Amino acid sequence: MARLRLKTLREMNDPDLTDKLSELNADLAKLRAEGAKGTLKKQTGDIRWIRRDIARIMTILNERGSKRNHDNA
């Protein structure tokens, strides 16, 4: 899985970001289940990067949401 760059994430619109967020959450759940079963092999480091990508997307969405709320007030 390729890591997501902040520049490319900022260029995406909100629906694309939410789609990517749900995709990453599904991947993370799959990797965690494999880890619990003991079948996780070389993807142990992927969990860290997926968590960070999820955090990046959520930060961007929250920044955009707070910016909209601030502009409306």
C-alpha atoms as a PDB file:
ATOM      1  CA  MET A   1       0.000   0.000   0.000  1.00  0.00           C
ATOM      2  CA  ALA A   2       1.354   3.384  -0.970  1.00  0.00           C
ATOM      3  CA  ARG A   3       1.549   6.009   1.719  1.00  0.00           C
ATOM      4  CA  LEU A   4      -0.615   9.051   1.289  1.00  0.00           C
ATOM      5  CA  ARG A   5       1.005  12.434   0.960  1.00  0.00           C
ATOM      6  CA  LEU A   6      -0.481  15.445   2.681  1.00  0.00           C
ATOM      7  CA  LYS A   7      -0.415  17.448  -0.555  1.00  0.00           C
ATOM      8  CA  THR A   8      -2.514  14.886  -2.413  1.00  0.00           C
ATOM      9  CA  LEU A   9      -4.941  14.618   0.501  1.00  0.00           C
ATOM     10  CA  ARG A  10      -5.453  18.372   0.626  1.00  0.00           C
ATOM     11  CA  GLU A  11      -6.262  18.368  -3.098  1.00  0.00           C
ATOM     12  CA  MET A  12      -9.061  15.822  -2.592  1.00  0.00           C
ATOM     13  CA  ASN A  13     -12.620  16.945  -1.918  1.00  0.00           C
ATOM     14  CA  ASP A  14     -14.620  15.900   1.155  1.00  0.00           C
ATOM     15  CA  PRO A  15     -16.530  12.948  -0.375  1.00  0.00           C
ATOM     16  CA  ASP A  16     -13.292  11.475  -1.733  1.00  0.00           C
ATOM     17  CA  LEU A  17     -11.647  11.876   1.671  1.00  0.00           C
ATOM     18  CA  THR A  18     -14.511  10.150   3.470  1.00  0.00           C
ATOM     19  CA  ASP A  19     -14.384   7.293   0.936  1.00  0.00           C
ATOM     20  CA  LYS A  20     -10.635   6.943   1.475  1.00  0.00           C
ATOM     21  CA  LEU A  21     -11.174   7.091   5.243  1.00  0.00           C
ATOM     22  CA  SER A  22     -13.667   4.223   5.187  1.00  0.00           C
ATOM     23  CA  GLU A  23     -11.338   2.226   2.928  1.00  0.00           C
ATOM     24  CA  LEU A  24      -8.417   2.725   5.309  1.00  0.00           C
ATOM     25  CA  ASN A  25     -10.550   1.823   8.327  1.00  0.00           C
ATOM     26  CA  ALA A  26     -11.541  -1.433   6.605  1.00  0.00           C
ATOM     27  CA  ASP A  27      -7.882  -2.191   5.821  1.00  0.00           C
ATOM     28  CA  LEU A  28      -6.911  -1.464   9.417  1.00  0.00           C
ATOM     29  CA  ALA A  29      -9.636  -3.748  10.756  1.00  0.00           C
ATOM     30  CA  LYS A  30      -8.472  -6.519   8.432  1.00  0.00           C
ATOM     31  CA  LEU A  31      -4.851  -6.148   9.535  1.00  0.00           C
ATOM     32  CA  ARG A  32      -5.809  -6.090  13.199  1.00  0.00           C
ATOM     33  CA  ALA A  33      -7.869  -9.252  12.760  1.00  0.00           C
ATOM     34  CA  GLU A  34      -4.933 -10.968  11.059  1.00  0.00           C
ATOM     35  CA  GLY A  35      -2.695  -9.836  13.897  1.00  0.00           C
ATOM     36  CA  ALA A  36      -5.066 -11.272  16.464  1.00  0.00           C
ATOM     37  CA  LYS A  37      -5.167 -14.582  14.602  1.00  0.00           C
ATOM     38  CA  GLY A  38      -1.406 -14.630  14.308  1.00  0.00           C
ATOM     39  CA  THR A  39      -1.347 -14.697  10.507  1.00  0.00           C
ATOM     40  CA  LEU A  40       0.032 -11.189  10.066  1.00  0.00           C
ATOM     41  CA  LYS A  41       3.405 -11.468   8.377  1.00  0.00           C
ATOM     42  CA  LYS A  42       5.172  -8.635   6.640  1.00  0.00           C
ATOM     43  CA  GLN A  43       2.407  -6.065   7.070  1.00  0.00           C
ATOM     44  CA  THR A  44       3.062  -5.331  10.723  1.00  0.00           C
ATOM     45  CA  GLY A  45       4.559  -1.942   9.810  1.00  0.00           C
ATOM     46  CA  ASP A  46       1.561  -1.113   7.620  1.00  0.00           C
ATOM     47  CA  ILE A  47      -0.648  -0.728  10.687  1.00  0.00           C
ATOM     48  CA  ARG A  48       1.365   2.295  11.816  1.00  0.00           C
ATOM     49  CA  TRP A  49       1.156   4.024   8.422  1.00  0.00           C
ATOM     50  CA  ILE A  50      -2.555   3.307   8.000  1.00  0.00           C
ATOM     51  CA  ARG A  51      -3.248   4.784  11.443  1.00  0.00           C
ATOM     52  CA  ARG A  52      -1.264   7.889  10.534  1.00  0.00           C
ATOM     53  CA  ASP A  53      -3.039   8.244   7.177  1.00  0.00           C
ATOM     54  CA  ILE A  54      -6.393   7.963   8.975  1.00  0.00           C
ATOM     55  CA  ALA A  55      -5.289  10.683  11.394  1.00  0.00           C
ATOM     56  CA  ARG A  56      -4.197  12.922   8.500  1.00  0.00           C
ATOM     57  CA  ILE A  57      -7.548  12.552   6.745  1.00  0.00           C
ATOM     58  CA  MET A  58      -9.510  13.181   9.937  1.00  0.00           C
ATOM     59  CA  THR A  59      -7.407  16.275  10.659  1.00  0.00           C
ATOM     60  CA  ILE A  60      -8.067  17.684   7.192  1.00  0.00           C
ATOM     61  CA  LEU A  61     -11.801  17.004   7.475  1.00  0.00           C
ATOM     62  CA  ASN A  62     -11.938  18.598  10.928  1.00  0.00           C
ATOM     63  CA  GLU A  63      -9.986  21.645   9.743  1.00  0.00           C
ATOM     64  CA  ARG A  64     -12.376  22.106   6.848  1.00  0.00           C
ATOM     65  CA  GLY A  65     -15.381  21.649   9.109  1.00  0.00           C
ATOM     66  CA  SER A  66     -14.170  24.138  11.684  1.00  0.00           C
ATOM     67  CA  LYS A  67     -13.285  26.583   8.929  1.00  0.00           C
ATOM     68  CA  ARG A  68     -16.840  26.359   7.559  1.00  0.00           C
ATOM     69  CA  ASN A  69     -18.309  26.801  11.030  1.00  0.00           C
ATOM     70  CA  HIS A  70     -16.055  29.780  11.657  1.00  0.00           C
ATOM     71  CA  ASP A  71     -17.006  31.383   8.350  1.00  0.00           C
ATOM     72  CA  ASN A  72     -20.723  30.916   9.042  1.00  0.00           C
ATOM     73  CA  ALA A  73     -20.566  32.502  12.498  1.00  0.00           C
END
